[in-house]
Amino acid sequence: MAENNPELDAINHLLKIEKQASGLINDATSEADKRRAAARAKYNEQFKTAYDKVAQELEKKYQSEYSKIKSKYKSEIETYKKTLESKNQEQQKFFALLDKLLFA
């Protein structure tokens, strides 16, 4: 049994090479996973930065438009109130009309 069998030596050599290849594949897979994770983190950060920039610009635009609309609304309400205040109110005629329509 201590004799050298060339077939057994060849099989052992092939098993050794297969084990080395498996190790290389595992190392390559680990390295690829690390690189993918690093790239994903990098691009996620770039996306977040770009997203935050766009969101900030949109929020600024929204606030600006909101202020303009609010100011315009307030102005129109004030104009409407002044118009109502300047009109002649004939309460006696109004009450008489109500009495006529509701209680006649």
Protein backbone atom coordinates (compact mmCIF):
# COMPACT_ATOMS: atom_id res chain seq x y z
CA MET A 1 0.00 0.00 0.00
CA ALA A 2 2.97 2.27 0.47
CA GLU A 3 3.72 1.94 -3.19
CA ASN A 4 3.14 4.90 -5.49
CA ASN A 5 0.13 4.42 -7.67
CA PRO A 6 0.21 6.90 -10.57
CA GLU A 7 -3.57 6.82 -10.92
CA LEU A 8 -4.03 7.62 -7.24
CA ASP A 9 -1.43 10.39 -7.48
CA ALA A 10 -3.27 11.87 -10.47
CA ILE A 11 -6.61 11.77 -8.64
CA ASN A 12 -5.09 13.38 -5.53
CA HIS A 13 -3.45 16.02 -7.68
CA LEU A 14 -6.78 16.77 -9.41
CA LEU A 15 -8.57 16.96 -6.04
CA LYS A 16 -5.92 19.38 -4.79
CA ILE A 17 -6.35 21.55 -7.90
CA GLU A 18 -10.15 21.42 -7.55
CA LYS A 19 -9.85 22.53 -3.91
CA GLN A 20 -7.62 25.44 -4.96
CA ALA A 21 -10.07 26.39 -7.72
CA SER A 22 -12.95 26.28 -5.26
CA GLY A 23 -11.01 28.58 -2.93
CA LEU A 24 -10.30 30.98 -5.80
CA ILE A 25 -13.97 31.00 -6.78
CA ASN A 26 -15.02 31.68 -3.18
CA ASP A 27 -12.49 34.51 -2.92
CA ALA A 28 -13.65 35.97 -6.24
CA THR A 29 -17.29 35.74 -5.16
CA SER A 30 -16.52 37.47 -1.87
CA GLU A 31 -14.60 40.22 -3.66
CA ALA A 32 -17.41 40.69 -6.19
CA ASP A 33 -19.95 40.93 -3.35
CA LYS A 34 -17.80 43.54 -1.60
CA ARG A 35 -17.44 45.56 -4.79
CA ARG A 36 -21.17 45.35 -5.52
CA ALA A 37 -21.99 46.46 -1.98
CA ALA A 38 -19.54 49.36 -2.22
CA ALA A 39 -20.94 50.40 -5.62
CA ARG A 40 -24.51 50.11 -4.35
CA ALA A 41 -23.68 52.26 -1.32
CA LYS A 42 -21.95 54.83 -3.54
CA TYR A 43 -24.82 55.07 -6.01
CA ASN A 44 -27.44 55.08 -3.26
CA GLU A 45 -25.63 58.04 -1.69
CA GLN A 46 -25.46 59.82 -5.05
CA PHE A 47 -29.16 59.15 -5.61
CA LYS A 48 -30.03 60.42 -2.13
CA THR A 49 -28.00 63.58 -2.70
CA ALA A 50 -29.67 64.23 -6.06
CA TYR A 51 -33.11 63.37 -4.64
CA ASP A 52 -32.64 65.69 -1.67
CA LYS A 53 -31.51 68.49 -3.98
CA VAL A 54 -34.59 68.11 -6.20
CA ALA A 55 -36.88 67.81 -3.17
CA GLN A 56 -35.37 70.95 -1.67
CA GLU A 57 -35.83 72.88 -4.92
CA LEU A 58 -39.44 71.70 -5.21
CA GLU A 59 -40.13 72.61 -1.59
CA LYS A 60 -38.66 76.08 -2.15
CA LYS A 61 -40.78 76.53 -5.28
CA TYR A 62 -43.86 75.29 -3.41
CA GLN A 63 -43.30 77.72 -0.54
CA SER A 64 -42.79 80.59 -2.98
CA GLU A 65 -45.97 79.79 -4.92
CA TYR A 66 -47.88 79.22 -1.68
CA SER A 67 -46.82 82.65 -0.40
CA LYS A 68 -47.86 84.31 -3.66
CA ILE A 69 -51.25 82.60 -3.68
CA LYS A 70 -51.82 83.33 0.00
CA SER A 71 -50.98 87.00 -0.54
CA LYS A 72 -53.25 87.20 -3.59
CA TYR A 73 -56.08 85.46 -1.72
CA LYS A 74 -55.74 87.82 1.23
CA SER A 75 -55.75 90.82 -1.10
CA GLU A 76 -58.85 89.59 -2.94
CA ILE A 77 -60.68 88.92 0.34
CA GLU A 78 -59.83 92.41 1.59
CA THR A 79 -61.03 93.94 -1.68
CA TYR A 80 -64.25 91.93 -1.45
CA LYS A 81 -64.82 93.02 2.17
CA LYS A 82 -64.28 96.67 1.24
CA THR A 83 -66.70 96.29 -1.66
CA LEU A 84 -69.33 94.83 0.66
CA GLU A 85 -68.76 97.53 3.27
CA SER A 86 -69.12 100.28 0.69
CA LYS A 87 -72.47 99.01 -0.58
CA ASN A 88 -75.62 100.56 0.78
CA GLN A 89 -77.41 98.09 3.01
CA GLU A 90 -81.13 98.47 3.12
CA GLN A 91 -81.96 96.24 6.04
CA GLN A 92 -85.58 97.39 6.38
CA LYS A 93 -86.34 96.49 2.76
CA PHE A 94 -84.53 93.16 3.18
CA PHE A 95 -86.47 92.27 6.32
CA ALA A 96 -89.71 93.29 4.64
CA LEU A 97 -88.90 91.03 1.69
CA LEU A 98 -88.14 88.14 4.05
CA ASP A 99 -91.42 88.65 5.89
CA LYS A 100 -93.27 88.72 2.59
CA LEU A 101 -91.57 85.58 1.22
CA LEU A 102 -91.53 83.50 4.37
CA PHE A 103 -94.66 84.48 6.21
CA ALA A 104 -97.08 85.57 3.52
